[in-house]
N, C-alpha and C. Protein backbone atom coordinates (compact mmCIF):
# COMPACT_ATOMS: atom_id res chain seq x y z
N MET A 1 -10.77 -11.26 -5.19
CA MET A 1 -11.52 -10.18 -4.59
C MET A 1 -11.05 -8.86 -5.19
N LYS A 2 -11.95 -8.02 -5.54
CA LYS A 2 -11.64 -6.73 -6.13
C LYS A 2 -11.59 -5.69 -5.02
N TYR A 3 -10.74 -4.70 -5.20
CA TYR A 3 -10.68 -3.62 -4.24
C TYR A 3 -10.99 -2.30 -4.94
N LEU A 4 -11.41 -1.33 -4.16
CA LEU A 4 -11.70 0.00 -4.68
C LEU A 4 -10.48 0.88 -4.49
N ARG A 5 -10.33 1.87 -5.35
CA ARG A 5 -9.20 2.78 -5.25
C ARG A 5 -9.56 3.94 -4.33
N LEU A 6 -8.63 4.33 -3.52
CA LEU A 6 -8.77 5.47 -2.64
C LEU A 6 -8.28 6.69 -3.42
N LYS A 7 -9.16 7.67 -3.66
CA LYS A 7 -8.80 8.79 -4.52
C LYS A 7 -8.94 10.16 -3.88
N LYS A 8 -9.87 10.34 -2.97
CA LYS A 8 -10.14 11.66 -2.43
C LYS A 8 -9.12 12.06 -1.37
N GLN A 9 -8.74 13.32 -1.41
CA GLN A 9 -7.77 13.86 -0.47
C GLN A 9 -8.27 13.73 0.97
N ALA A 10 -9.56 13.91 1.19
CA ALA A 10 -10.12 13.81 2.54
C ALA A 10 -9.97 12.39 3.09
N ASP A 11 -10.14 11.39 2.24
CA ASP A 11 -9.96 10.00 2.68
C ASP A 11 -8.51 9.73 3.06
N PHE A 12 -7.58 10.25 2.27
CA PHE A 12 -6.16 10.09 2.60
C PHE A 12 -5.83 10.77 3.92
N GLN A 13 -6.30 12.00 4.11
CA GLN A 13 -6.01 12.73 5.34
C GLN A 13 -6.59 12.04 6.57
N ARG A 14 -7.81 11.51 6.44
CA ARG A 14 -8.45 10.81 7.56
C ARG A 14 -7.64 9.58 7.95
N LEU A 15 -7.15 8.86 6.95
CA LEU A 15 -6.38 7.65 7.24
C LEU A 15 -5.00 7.99 7.80
N PHE A 16 -4.35 9.05 7.27
CA PHE A 16 -3.07 9.47 7.82
C PHE A 16 -3.21 9.87 9.29
N LYS A 17 -4.34 10.47 9.63
CA LYS A 17 -4.55 10.94 11.00
C LYS A 17 -4.94 9.82 11.96
N ASN A 18 -5.81 8.89 11.51
CA ASN A 18 -6.39 7.90 12.42
C ASN A 18 -5.94 6.46 12.19
N GLY A 19 -5.15 6.20 11.17
CA GLY A 19 -4.80 4.82 10.84
C GLY A 19 -3.63 4.28 11.64
N LYS A 20 -3.53 2.97 11.67
CA LYS A 20 -2.38 2.30 12.29
C LYS A 20 -1.30 2.14 11.23
N ARG A 21 -0.05 2.13 11.64
CA ARG A 21 1.07 2.03 10.71
C ARG A 21 1.84 0.75 10.92
N ALA A 22 2.28 0.20 9.79
CA ALA A 22 3.14 -0.98 9.82
C ALA A 22 4.28 -0.73 8.83
N PHE A 23 5.47 -1.20 9.20
CA PHE A 23 6.65 -0.89 8.42
C PHE A 23 7.36 -2.15 7.93
N SER A 24 7.96 -2.05 6.76
CA SER A 24 8.85 -3.08 6.23
C SER A 24 10.02 -2.34 5.59
N PRO A 25 11.04 -3.05 5.14
CA PRO A 25 12.20 -2.36 4.54
C PRO A 25 11.86 -1.53 3.30
N SER A 26 10.84 -1.90 2.53
CA SER A 26 10.56 -1.15 1.30
C SER A 26 9.21 -0.44 1.31
N LEU A 27 8.37 -0.69 2.33
CA LEU A 27 7.01 -0.13 2.34
C LEU A 27 6.60 0.33 3.73
N THR A 28 5.71 1.31 3.74
CA THR A 28 4.98 1.68 4.95
C THR A 28 3.51 1.49 4.63
N LEU A 29 2.79 0.85 5.52
CA LEU A 29 1.37 0.57 5.31
C LEU A 29 0.59 1.29 6.40
N ILE A 30 -0.39 2.08 6.01
CA ILE A 30 -1.30 2.72 6.95
C ILE A 30 -2.66 2.10 6.71
N TYR A 31 -3.28 1.55 7.75
CA TYR A 31 -4.52 0.79 7.54
C TYR A 31 -5.52 1.07 8.65
N ARG A 32 -6.76 0.74 8.31
CA ARG A 32 -7.87 0.89 9.26
C ARG A 32 -9.00 -0.02 8.79
N PRO A 33 -9.69 -0.72 9.69
CA PRO A 33 -10.81 -1.56 9.27
C PRO A 33 -11.91 -0.73 8.61
N SER A 34 -12.58 -1.32 7.62
CA SER A 34 -13.67 -0.62 6.93
C SER A 34 -14.68 -1.63 6.41
N LYS A 35 -15.74 -1.13 5.76
CA LYS A 35 -16.79 -1.99 5.23
C LYS A 35 -16.37 -2.71 3.96
N GLU A 36 -15.47 -2.09 3.19
CA GLU A 36 -15.02 -2.69 1.94
C GLU A 36 -13.53 -2.46 1.77
N MET A 37 -12.90 -3.30 0.95
CA MET A 37 -11.47 -3.21 0.72
C MET A 37 -11.18 -2.02 -0.19
N ARG A 38 -10.34 -1.08 0.31
CA ARG A 38 -9.95 0.07 -0.49
C ARG A 38 -8.45 0.28 -0.33
N MET A 39 -7.79 0.74 -1.42
CA MET A 39 -6.35 0.93 -1.38
C MET A 39 -5.96 2.17 -2.14
N GLY A 40 -5.01 2.92 -1.60
CA GLY A 40 -4.45 4.08 -2.26
C GLY A 40 -2.94 4.05 -2.11
N ILE A 41 -2.26 4.77 -2.99
CA ILE A 41 -0.80 4.82 -2.96
C ILE A 41 -0.39 6.27 -2.83
N SER A 42 0.55 6.53 -1.93
CA SER A 42 1.09 7.86 -1.75
C SER A 42 2.57 7.80 -2.10
N ILE A 43 2.96 8.56 -3.13
CA ILE A 43 4.34 8.52 -3.59
C ILE A 43 4.78 9.95 -3.91
N GLY A 44 5.94 10.34 -3.40
CA GLY A 44 6.42 11.70 -3.58
C GLY A 44 7.34 11.87 -4.76
N LYS A 45 7.66 13.11 -5.06
CA LYS A 45 8.51 13.42 -6.20
C LYS A 45 9.96 13.01 -6.01
N ARG A 46 10.34 12.70 -4.79
CA ARG A 46 11.73 12.28 -4.56
C ARG A 46 12.02 10.90 -5.14
N HIS A 47 10.96 10.18 -5.55
CA HIS A 47 11.12 8.86 -6.16
C HIS A 47 11.56 8.96 -7.62
N GLY A 48 11.50 10.13 -8.20
CA GLY A 48 11.92 10.30 -9.58
C GLY A 48 10.86 11.01 -10.39
N LYS A 49 11.06 10.99 -11.68
CA LYS A 49 10.12 11.65 -12.59
C LYS A 49 8.85 10.81 -12.70
N SER A 50 7.85 11.34 -13.40
CA SER A 50 6.53 10.73 -13.44
C SER A 50 6.55 9.31 -14.00
N VAL A 51 7.43 9.03 -14.96
CA VAL A 51 7.50 7.69 -15.53
C VAL A 51 7.89 6.68 -14.45
N MET A 52 8.86 7.03 -13.63
CA MET A 52 9.32 6.14 -12.56
C MET A 52 8.25 6.00 -11.48
N ARG A 53 7.62 7.11 -11.11
CA ARG A 53 6.58 7.05 -10.07
C ARG A 53 5.41 6.19 -10.54
N ASN A 54 5.00 6.32 -11.79
CA ASN A 54 3.90 5.51 -12.31
C ASN A 54 4.27 4.03 -12.35
N ARG A 55 5.51 3.71 -12.68
CA ARG A 55 5.96 2.32 -12.68
C ARG A 55 5.90 1.73 -11.27
N ILE A 56 6.35 2.50 -10.29
CA ILE A 56 6.31 2.04 -8.90
C ILE A 56 4.86 1.80 -8.48
N LYS A 57 3.95 2.71 -8.85
CA LYS A 57 2.54 2.53 -8.50
C LYS A 57 1.96 1.27 -9.13
N ARG A 58 2.32 0.99 -10.39
CA ARG A 58 1.83 -0.23 -11.04
C ARG A 58 2.34 -1.48 -10.32
N LEU A 59 3.61 -1.46 -9.92
CA LEU A 59 4.18 -2.61 -9.20
C LEU A 59 3.48 -2.81 -7.85
N VAL A 60 3.25 -1.73 -7.13
CA VAL A 60 2.61 -1.82 -5.81
C VAL A 60 1.16 -2.30 -5.96
N ARG A 61 0.43 -1.76 -6.95
CA ARG A 61 -0.96 -2.20 -7.16
C ARG A 61 -1.03 -3.69 -7.44
N GLU A 62 -0.15 -4.19 -8.29
CA GLU A 62 -0.17 -5.61 -8.63
C GLU A 62 0.22 -6.46 -7.42
N ALA A 63 1.21 -6.03 -6.66
CA ALA A 63 1.60 -6.77 -5.45
C ALA A 63 0.46 -6.79 -4.44
N PHE A 64 -0.25 -5.68 -4.30
CA PHE A 64 -1.39 -5.64 -3.38
C PHE A 64 -2.50 -6.55 -3.86
N ARG A 65 -2.79 -6.53 -5.17
CA ARG A 65 -3.82 -7.38 -5.73
C ARG A 65 -3.51 -8.86 -5.47
N ALA A 66 -2.24 -9.22 -5.56
CA ALA A 66 -1.85 -10.62 -5.37
C ALA A 66 -1.89 -11.04 -3.91
N THR A 67 -1.74 -10.12 -2.97
CA THR A 67 -1.67 -10.49 -1.56
C THR A 67 -2.93 -10.17 -0.76
N GLN A 68 -3.88 -9.44 -1.33
CA GLN A 68 -5.05 -9.03 -0.55
C GLN A 68 -5.92 -10.19 -0.11
N ASP A 69 -5.85 -11.34 -0.79
CA ASP A 69 -6.66 -12.49 -0.39
C ASP A 69 -6.22 -13.06 0.95
N GLN A 70 -5.00 -12.76 1.37
CA GLN A 70 -4.51 -13.24 2.66
C GLN A 70 -5.01 -12.41 3.83
N MET A 71 -5.58 -11.25 3.55
CA MET A 71 -6.11 -10.41 4.62
C MET A 71 -7.44 -10.96 5.10
N GLN A 72 -7.61 -10.98 6.42
CA GLN A 72 -8.88 -11.39 7.00
C GLN A 72 -9.67 -10.14 7.30
N GLY A 73 -10.77 -9.96 6.62
CA GLY A 73 -11.57 -8.76 6.81
C GLY A 73 -11.26 -7.72 5.75
N ASN A 74 -11.97 -6.60 5.83
CA ASN A 74 -11.79 -5.51 4.88
C ASN A 74 -11.09 -4.34 5.55
N TYR A 75 -10.21 -3.71 4.83
CA TYR A 75 -9.43 -2.59 5.34
C TYR A 75 -9.36 -1.49 4.29
N THR A 76 -9.19 -0.28 4.77
CA THR A 76 -8.78 0.83 3.93
C THR A 76 -7.28 0.97 4.15
N VAL A 77 -6.51 0.96 3.06
CA VAL A 77 -5.06 0.88 3.16
C VAL A 77 -4.42 1.96 2.31
N ILE A 78 -3.38 2.59 2.84
CA ILE A 78 -2.50 3.44 2.04
C ILE A 78 -1.13 2.78 2.05
N VAL A 79 -0.56 2.58 0.88
CA VAL A 79 0.77 2.00 0.74
C VAL A 79 1.73 3.13 0.35
N ILE A 80 2.81 3.26 1.10
CA ILE A 80 3.81 4.28 0.83
C ILE A 80 5.14 3.57 0.57
N PRO A 81 5.62 3.56 -0.68
CA PRO A 81 6.92 2.94 -0.96
C PRO A 81 8.06 3.83 -0.45
N LYS A 82 9.12 3.20 0.00
CA LYS A 82 10.29 3.95 0.46
C LYS A 82 11.27 4.11 -0.71
N VAL A 83 12.08 5.14 -0.64
CA VAL A 83 13.04 5.42 -1.70
C VAL A 83 14.17 4.40 -1.64
N CYS A 84 14.48 3.79 -2.80
CA CYS A 84 15.61 2.87 -2.89
C CYS A 84 16.15 2.92 -4.33
N ASP A 85 17.23 2.17 -4.57
CA ASP A 85 17.87 2.20 -5.89
C ASP A 85 17.07 1.45 -6.94
N ALA A 86 16.56 0.29 -6.58
CA ALA A 86 15.82 -0.53 -7.55
C ALA A 86 14.51 -1.01 -6.90
N TYR A 87 13.46 -1.04 -7.70
CA TYR A 87 12.15 -1.47 -7.23
C TYR A 87 11.77 -2.74 -7.98
N SER A 88 11.19 -3.71 -7.27
CA SER A 88 10.76 -4.93 -7.95
C SER A 88 9.43 -5.40 -7.38
N TYR A 89 8.67 -6.04 -8.23
CA TYR A 89 7.38 -6.60 -7.86
C TYR A 89 7.54 -7.63 -6.76
N HIS A 90 8.54 -8.49 -6.89
CA HIS A 90 8.73 -9.57 -5.91
C HIS A 90 9.06 -9.02 -4.52
N THR A 91 9.84 -7.95 -4.46
CA THR A 91 10.16 -7.33 -3.18
C THR A 91 8.91 -6.75 -2.53
N PHE A 92 8.12 -6.01 -3.31
CA PHE A 92 6.88 -5.44 -2.77
C PHE A 92 5.93 -6.53 -2.30
N LYS A 93 5.79 -7.59 -3.10
CA LYS A 93 4.89 -8.68 -2.74
C LYS A 93 5.35 -9.38 -1.46
N GLN A 94 6.64 -9.64 -1.37
CA GLN A 94 7.19 -10.31 -0.19
C GLN A 94 6.99 -9.45 1.07
N HIS A 95 7.23 -8.16 0.96
CA HIS A 95 7.10 -7.29 2.12
C HIS A 95 5.64 -7.07 2.51
N LEU A 96 4.73 -7.03 1.54
CA LEU A 96 3.30 -6.96 1.87
C LEU A 96 2.85 -8.20 2.61
N LYS A 97 3.27 -9.38 2.16
CA LYS A 97 2.94 -10.64 2.86
C LYS A 97 3.47 -10.60 4.28
N TRP A 98 4.69 -10.12 4.44
CA TRP A 98 5.33 -10.07 5.75
C TRP A 98 4.54 -9.15 6.70
N ILE A 99 4.11 -7.98 6.18
CA ILE A 99 3.33 -7.05 7.01
C ILE A 99 1.98 -7.66 7.38
N ILE A 100 1.32 -8.32 6.43
CA ILE A 100 0.02 -8.94 6.70
C ILE A 100 0.14 -9.99 7.79
N GLU A 101 1.18 -10.81 7.72
CA GLU A 101 1.39 -11.84 8.76
C GLU A 101 1.75 -11.20 10.10
N LYS A 102 2.61 -10.20 10.07
CA LYS A 102 3.08 -9.57 11.30
C LYS A 102 1.95 -8.84 12.02
N GLU A 103 1.12 -8.13 11.29
CA GLU A 103 0.04 -7.35 11.89
C GLU A 103 -1.26 -8.14 12.04
N SER A 104 -1.29 -9.35 11.56
CA SER A 104 -2.51 -10.21 11.59
C SER A 104 -3.70 -9.52 10.93
N LEU A 105 -3.47 -8.99 9.77
CA LEU A 105 -4.54 -8.32 9.02
C LEU A 105 -5.44 -9.34 8.36
């Protein structure tokens, strides 16, 4: 299943204001039911320089792509990675699966 990217500032603000939040050790997920699957990533400058931030976004996008089939229904999702020493695809994927199971998405 393909998902659309969340790009507009107004969409991010609406979801930050009205979305439900779910937490894991490495991620925060803000979600809301919608007509189609959409995902955006919010990452701050405290994560490092642009090369590091872009790498984290690539890892999160791939982990989301691999786990979105487990979601029942369509959601608009913002994924916010937490600051840590090392980032890995397997950690993001594992924590996304855990959130999906915990929240029954």
